[in-house]
């Protein structure tokens, strides 16, 4: 009888913990601006730069691709 009661208490505790976790409210961080807000406005015509750093062990195929893009 006591063993059955302990198993019931344990499963009851698990259910309560699960419900407690489900009902927690957490803050979610995200980018403030999305495509809808910034997709249809003029952000200016300033050029942007893409920097790709390669070292001496980088294969020639990759470095030549960077040179073609620039």
C-alpha atoms as a PDB file:
ATOM      1  CA  UNK A   1       0.000   0.000   0.000  1.00  0.00           C
ATOM      2  CA  UNK A   2       2.756   2.409   0.951  1.00  0.00           C
ATOM      3  CA  UNK A   3       4.714   1.608  -2.226  1.00  0.00           C
ATOM      4  CA  UNK A   4       1.672   2.321  -4.416  1.00  0.00           C
ATOM      5  CA  UNK A   5       1.127   5.604  -2.586  1.00  0.00           C
ATOM      6  CA  UNK A   6       4.767   6.624  -3.184  1.00  0.00           C
ATOM      7  CA  UNK A   7       4.471   5.877  -6.923  1.00  0.00           C
ATOM      8  CA  UNK A   8       1.299   7.946  -7.077  1.00  0.00           C
ATOM      9  CA  UNK A   9       3.014  10.861  -5.300  1.00  0.00           C
ATOM     10  CA  UNK A  10       5.987  10.631  -7.643  1.00  0.00           C
ATOM     11  CA  UNK A  11       3.830  10.696 -10.781  1.00  0.00           C
ATOM     12  CA  UNK A  12       1.750  13.508  -9.295  1.00  0.00           C
ATOM     13  CA  UNK A  13       4.929  15.500  -8.678  1.00  0.00           C
ATOM     14  CA  UNK A  14       6.099  14.929 -12.264  1.00  0.00           C
ATOM     15  CA  UNK A  15       2.760  16.152 -13.633  1.00  0.00           C
ATOM     16  CA  UNK A  16       2.859  19.243 -11.425  1.00  0.00           C
ATOM     17  CA  UNK A  17       6.406  20.090 -12.506  1.00  0.00           C
ATOM     18  CA  UNK A  18       5.438  19.617 -16.152  1.00  0.00           C
ATOM     19  CA  UNK A  19       2.437  21.913 -15.780  1.00  0.00           C
ATOM     20  CA  UNK A  20       4.518  24.497 -13.929  1.00  0.00           C
ATOM     21  CA  UNK A  21       7.052  24.529 -16.781  1.00  0.00           C
ATOM     22  CA  UNK A  22       4.301  24.848 -19.400  1.00  0.00           C
ATOM     23  CA  UNK A  23       2.732  27.863 -17.731  1.00  0.00           C
ATOM     24  CA  UNK A  24       5.941  29.824 -17.215  1.00  0.00           C
ATOM     25  CA  UNK A  25       6.137  33.045 -19.160  1.00  0.00           C
ATOM     26  CA  UNK A  26       9.533  33.773 -20.630  1.00  0.00           C
ATOM     27  CA  UNK A  27      10.793  36.845 -22.413  1.00  0.00           C
ATOM     28  CA  UNK A  28      11.714  36.306 -26.028  1.00  0.00           C
ATOM     29  CA  UNK A  29      14.315  38.475 -27.688  1.00  0.00           C
ATOM     30  CA  UNK A  30      14.054  39.149 -31.399  1.00  0.00           C
ATOM     31  CA  UNK A  31      15.029  41.725 -33.956  1.00  0.00           C
ATOM     32  CA  UNK A  32      12.763  44.747 -33.722  1.00  0.00           C
ATOM     33  CA  UNK A  33      12.581  45.333 -37.459  1.00  0.00           C
ATOM     34  CA  UNK A  34      11.360  42.792 -39.965  1.00  0.00           C
ATOM     35  CA  UNK A  35      11.053  42.767 -43.749  1.00  0.00           C
ATOM     36  CA  UNK A  36       7.621  44.331 -43.634  1.00  0.00           C
ATOM     37  CA  UNK A  37       8.989  47.392 -41.826  1.00  0.00           C
ATOM     38  CA  UNK A  38      12.251  47.813 -43.725  1.00  0.00           C
ATOM     39  CA  UNK A  39      11.516  46.155 -47.078  1.00  0.00           C
ATOM     40  CA  UNK A  40       9.669  49.058 -48.673  1.00  0.00           C
ATOM     41  CA  UNK A  41      11.637  52.053 -47.470  1.00  0.00           C
ATOM     42  CA  UNK A  42      14.668  53.746 -48.915  1.00  0.00           C
ATOM     43  CA  UNK A  43      17.595  53.027 -46.627  1.00  0.00           C
ATOM     44  CA  UNK A  44      19.966  55.121 -48.708  1.00  0.00           C
ATOM     45  CA  UNK A  45      22.398  54.352 -51.458  1.00  0.00           C
ATOM     46  CA  UNK A  46      25.531  53.915 -49.420  1.00  0.00           C
ATOM     47  CA  UNK A  47      27.564  50.993 -50.726  1.00  0.00           C
ATOM     48  CA  UNK A  48      28.311  48.147 -48.419  1.00  0.00           C
ATOM     49  CA  UNK A  49      31.520  46.196 -48.189  1.00  0.00           C
ATOM     50  CA  UNK A  50      32.054  42.488 -47.770  1.00  0.00           C
ATOM     51  CA  UNK A  51      35.356  41.560 -46.229  1.00  0.00           C
ATOM     52  CA  UNK A  52      36.633  38.030 -46.646  1.00  0.00           C
ATOM     53  CA  UNK A  53      39.797  37.145 -44.829  1.00  0.00           C
ATOM     54  CA  UNK A  54      41.888  34.280 -46.155  1.00  0.00           C
ATOM     55  CA  UNK A  55      45.154  32.904 -44.912  1.00  0.00           C
ATOM     56  CA  UNK A  56      48.019  31.320 -46.822  1.00  0.00           C
ATOM     57  CA  UNK A  57      46.528  27.828 -46.463  1.00  0.00           C
ATOM     58  CA  UNK A  58      43.290  28.772 -48.243  1.00  0.00           C
ATOM     59  CA  UNK A  59      42.855  26.904 -51.541  1.00  0.00           C
ATOM     60  CA  UNK A  60      43.417  28.877 -54.741  1.00  0.00           C
ATOM     61  CA  UNK A  61      39.858  28.162 -55.903  1.00  0.00           C
ATOM     62  CA  UNK A  62      38.396  30.101 -52.971  1.00  0.00           C
ATOM     63  CA  UNK A  63      40.776  33.038 -53.240  1.00  0.00           C
ATOM     64  CA  UNK A  64      40.132  33.352 -56.985  1.00  0.00           C
ATOM     65  CA  UNK A  65      36.380  33.319 -56.280  1.00  0.00           C
ATOM     66  CA  UNK A  66      36.843  36.220 -53.869  1.00  0.00           C
ATOM     67  CA  UNK A  67      38.842  38.121 -56.481  1.00  0.00           C
ATOM     68  CA  UNK A  68      36.171  37.564 -59.152  1.00  0.00           C
ATOM     69  CA  UNK A  69      33.417  38.810 -56.863  1.00  0.00           C
ATOM     70  CA  UNK A  70      35.267  42.001 -55.945  1.00  0.00           C
END
